[in-house]
Amino acid sequence: MREWWIRTALVLQAPRAVFVALRDDGAESASDRAEPVLAVVLLAGAAYALSTRTAAHLMDDSDYDVIVTAVWTFLAGGLYGCAGYWFFGAVLHKAATLLGSQGSFRRNRQILAFASVPVVLSLVLWPIKLAVWGSALFHRGGTDAGTAGQLLGYLWLGFVGWATVLLVIGVRAVHGWTWGRAALAAAAPVATAVALSFL
């Protein structure tokens, strides 16, 4: 299990080796990586929850203070993370199967989870945001709405782009596919996420 915690961090600098290790889909190996996958899923969900319009207006409601906002982040993060893990994992699995994969649903979900580590890393932006803008981050039209806020928004998109690149690398490494075929499989959950963001 300790090896998989190390690999969770290593996926940012040596992704191919980490994803190749996912080829071992036996019960023991899957069990060893269950906790790191759960941690990534919950933290990535929290990072996403904090990026939503809902989070940007939470403290417009007088019932929300710092503690309630932290609890909301934890609960919403868990909900978003788990829903995304299963739903987008299913989309990736279906796309990979259509392209000839014989891998399990569990392995495709775990490819998605490890590819999401940059989204978790985006949480490092929050201490900076809180130090600069404080609770204005959770108010409509707060002082974070200017150029600096937009810059941090672009940085968030950079982390999401990084995760997308890791997803392609992961699909290619696990299945031994060409770049084009791996990109086609990875495009399915990415395109679905983009489409849902416009709803």
Protein backbone atom coordinates (compact mmCIF):
# COMPACT_ATOMS: atom_id res chain seq x y z
CA MET A 1 0.00 0.00 0.00
CA ARG A 2 2.87 2.37 0.81
CA GLU A 3 4.13 1.97 -2.77
CA TRP A 4 0.83 3.26 -4.12
CA TRP A 5 0.92 6.34 -1.90
CA ILE A 6 4.36 7.07 -3.33
CA ARG A 7 3.11 6.43 -6.87
CA THR A 8 0.23 8.85 -6.29
CA ALA A 9 2.80 11.63 -5.94
CA LEU A 10 5.09 10.22 -8.64
CA VAL A 11 2.31 10.33 -11.24
CA LEU A 12 3.08 14.06 -11.58
CA GLN A 13 6.68 13.47 -12.70
CA ALA A 14 6.89 9.86 -13.94
CA PRO A 15 3.33 9.10 -15.06
CA ARG A 16 4.06 6.27 -17.48
CA ALA A 17 5.62 4.03 -14.81
CA VAL A 18 2.68 4.61 -12.47
CA PHE A 19 0.08 3.82 -15.11
CA VAL A 20 1.96 0.73 -16.31
CA ALA A 21 1.71 -0.56 -12.72
CA LEU A 22 -2.10 -0.37 -13.10
CA ARG A 23 -1.88 -3.26 -15.58
CA ASP A 24 -1.82 -5.54 -12.53
CA ASP A 25 -5.57 -5.59 -11.85
CA GLY A 26 -5.51 -8.47 -9.39
CA ALA A 27 -7.49 -8.28 -6.16
CA GLU A 28 -4.43 -7.68 -3.95
CA SER A 29 -2.99 -4.91 -6.12
CA ALA A 30 -6.41 -3.24 -6.46
CA SER A 31 -6.84 -3.39 -2.69
CA ASP A 32 -3.39 -1.84 -2.13
CA ARG A 33 -4.30 1.21 -4.19
CA ALA A 34 -7.87 1.60 -2.86
CA GLU A 35 -6.99 4.17 -0.18
CA PRO A 36 -4.87 6.42 -2.42
CA VAL A 37 -7.62 6.31 -5.05
CA LEU A 38 -10.25 7.25 -2.46
CA ALA A 39 -8.11 10.16 -1.21
CA VAL A 40 -7.59 11.46 -4.75
CA VAL A 41 -11.29 11.15 -5.56
CA LEU A 42 -12.39 13.07 -2.44
CA LEU A 43 -9.75 15.81 -2.78
CA ALA A 44 -10.33 16.24 -6.51
CA GLY A 45 -14.04 16.52 -5.75
CA ALA A 46 -13.34 19.22 -3.15
CA ALA A 47 -11.17 21.11 -5.64
CA TYR A 48 -13.97 20.97 -8.19
CA ALA A 49 -16.61 22.00 -5.63
CA LEU A 50 -14.56 25.09 -4.73
CA SER A 51 -14.35 26.05 -8.42
CA THR A 52 -18.13 26.11 -8.94
CA ARG A 53 -20.44 29.13 -9.12
CA THR A 54 -22.23 27.78 -6.06
CA ALA A 55 -19.05 28.09 -3.96
CA ALA A 56 -18.50 31.63 -5.26
CA HIS A 57 -21.84 32.70 -3.73
CA LEU A 58 -22.04 30.57 -0.57
CA MET A 59 -21.54 33.39 1.92
CA ASP A 60 -24.19 35.54 0.28
CA ASP A 61 -26.47 33.44 2.47
CA SER A 62 -26.14 34.64 6.07
CA ASP A 63 -26.44 31.06 7.32
CA TYR A 64 -22.98 30.29 5.92
CA ASP A 65 -19.87 31.12 7.93
CA VAL A 66 -16.33 29.74 7.71
CA ILE A 67 -17.16 26.48 9.50
CA VAL A 68 -20.33 25.77 7.50
CA THR A 69 -18.45 26.57 4.28
CA ALA A 70 -15.71 24.09 5.24
CA VAL A 71 -18.35 21.42 5.98
CA TRP A 72 -20.07 22.19 2.65
CA THR A 73 -16.73 21.81 0.84
CA PHE A 74 -16.14 18.42 2.46
CA LEU A 75 -19.64 17.11 1.73
CA ALA A 76 -19.95 18.57 -1.77
CA GLY A 77 -16.41 17.42 -2.55
CA GLY A 78 -17.27 13.87 -1.54
CA LEU A 79 -20.44 13.93 -3.63
CA TYR A 80 -18.80 15.46 -6.72
CA GLY A 81 -15.73 13.25 -6.41
CA CYS A 82 -17.59 9.95 -6.05
CA ALA A 83 -20.16 10.81 -8.73
CA GLY A 84 -17.40 11.87 -11.13
CA TYR A 85 -15.31 8.80 -10.38
CA TRP A 86 -18.15 6.42 -11.21
CA PHE A 87 -19.82 8.38 -14.03
CA PHE A 88 -16.74 9.53 -15.95
CA GLY A 89 -15.07 6.21 -15.19
CA ALA A 90 -18.03 4.52 -16.90
CA VAL A 91 -17.73 6.86 -19.90
CA LEU A 92 -14.00 6.10 -20.18
CA HIS A 93 -14.63 2.37 -19.82
CA LYS A 94 -17.30 2.37 -22.54
CA ALA A 95 -15.06 4.35 -24.92
CA ALA A 96 -12.07 2.09 -24.22
CA THR A 97 -14.19 -1.04 -24.72
CA LEU A 98 -15.48 0.25 -28.05
CA LEU A 99 -11.85 0.80 -29.09
CA GLY A 100 -10.90 -2.77 -28.22
CA SER A 101 -9.96 -2.74 -24.53
CA GLN A 102 -10.62 -5.86 -22.51
CA GLY A 103 -9.69 -4.19 -19.23
CA SER A 104 -12.01 -3.99 -16.25
CA PHE A 105 -14.27 -1.11 -15.25
CA ARG A 106 -12.30 -0.84 -12.01
CA ARG A 107 -9.01 -0.34 -13.85
CA ASN A 108 -10.48 2.38 -16.09
CA ARG A 109 -11.87 4.17 -13.03
CA GLN A 110 -8.44 4.02 -11.42
CA ILE A 111 -6.75 5.40 -14.55
CA LEU A 112 -9.14 8.34 -14.26
CA ALA A 113 -8.41 8.73 -10.54
CA PHE A 114 -4.62 8.84 -10.92
CA ALA A 115 -4.95 11.21 -13.87
CA SER A 116 -6.88 13.55 -11.54
CA VAL A 117 -3.93 14.15 -9.20
CA PRO A 118 -3.17 17.58 -10.80
CA VAL A 119 -6.73 18.63 -9.90
CA VAL A 120 -5.90 17.75 -6.28
CA LEU A 121 -2.68 19.75 -6.60
CA SER A 122 -4.75 22.79 -7.61
CA LEU A 123 -5.81 23.03 -3.96
CA VAL A 124 -2.43 24.70 -3.32
CA LEU A 125 -3.96 27.82 -4.90
CA TRP A 126 -6.46 28.15 -2.06
CA PRO A 127 -4.11 29.36 0.70
CA ILE A 128 -3.00 32.10 -1.72
CA LYS A 129 -6.59 33.00 -2.57
CA LEU A 130 -7.64 33.06 1.07
CA ALA A 131 -4.64 35.16 2.06
CA VAL A 132 -5.39 37.74 -0.66
CA TRP A 133 -9.19 37.84 -0.72
CA GLY A 134 -10.44 36.05 2.40
CA SER A 135 -14.21 35.50 2.50
CA ALA A 136 -14.71 37.64 -0.64
CA LEU A 137 -14.07 34.40 -2.53
CA PHE A 138 -17.48 33.20 -1.38
CA HIS A 139 -19.45 36.39 -2.14
CA ARG A 140 -21.00 37.43 -5.44
CA GLY A 141 -19.00 40.29 -6.98
CA GLY A 142 -16.26 40.08 -4.34
CA THR A 143 -12.84 41.68 -4.73
CA ASP A 144 -11.56 38.45 -6.34
CA ALA A 145 -13.45 39.31 -9.54
CA GLY A 146 -10.59 41.33 -11.07
CA THR A 147 -7.55 40.46 -13.15
CA ALA A 148 -5.76 38.50 -10.42
CA GLY A 149 -8.88 36.39 -9.89
CA GLN A 150 -9.04 35.67 -13.61
CA LEU A 151 -5.36 34.67 -13.58
CA LEU A 152 -6.01 32.14 -10.83
CA GLY A 153 -8.97 30.90 -12.86
CA TYR A 154 -6.63 30.28 -15.80
CA LEU A 155 -4.25 28.45 -13.47
CA TRP A 156 -7.16 26.19 -12.44
CA LEU A 157 -7.76 25.43 -16.12
CA GLY A 158 -4.05 24.66 -16.43
CA PHE A 159 -4.35 21.99 -13.74
CA VAL A 160 -7.39 20.54 -15.53
CA GLY A 161 -5.43 20.52 -18.80
CA TRP A 162 -2.56 18.75 -17.04
CA ALA A 163 -5.01 16.10 -15.79
CA THR A 164 -6.31 15.65 -19.34
CA VAL A 165 -2.77 15.04 -20.63
CA LEU A 166 -2.20 12.50 -17.84
CA LEU A 167 -5.42 10.75 -18.80
CA VAL A 168 -4.17 10.25 -22.36
CA ILE A 169 -0.77 9.07 -21.07
CA GLY A 170 -2.52 6.70 -18.66
CA VAL A 171 -4.81 5.14 -21.25
CA ARG A 172 -1.87 4.69 -23.62
CA ALA A 173 0.42 3.19 -20.95
CA VAL A 174 -2.15 0.76 -19.55
CA HIS A 175 -3.45 -0.48 -22.90
CA GLY A 176 -0.26 -0.17 -24.93
CA TRP A 177 -2.12 1.84 -27.56
CA THR A 178 -1.01 4.49 -30.03
CA TRP A 179 -1.30 8.13 -29.02
CA GLY A 180 -4.25 8.65 -31.38
CA ARG A 181 -6.23 5.72 -30.05
CA ALA A 182 -5.52 6.68 -26.44
CA ALA A 183 -6.53 10.30 -27.11
CA LEU A 184 -9.78 9.11 -28.69
CA ALA A 185 -10.69 7.07 -25.61
CA ALA A 186 -9.69 9.89 -23.23
CA ALA A 187 -11.70 12.41 -25.28
CA ALA A 188 -14.98 10.73 -24.30
CA PRO A 189 -15.00 11.65 -20.57
CA VAL A 190 -13.38 15.02 -21.28
CA ALA A 191 -15.96 15.95 -23.92
CA THR A 192 -18.76 14.74 -21.64
CA ALA A 193 -17.46 16.91 -18.78
CA VAL A 194 -17.24 19.96 -21.07
CA ALA A 195 -20.77 19.36 -22.36
CA LEU A 196 -22.15 19.04 -18.82
CA SER A 197 -20.43 22.28 -17.77
CA PHE A 198 -22.66 24.18 -20.21
CA LEU A 199 -25.89 22.80 -18.75
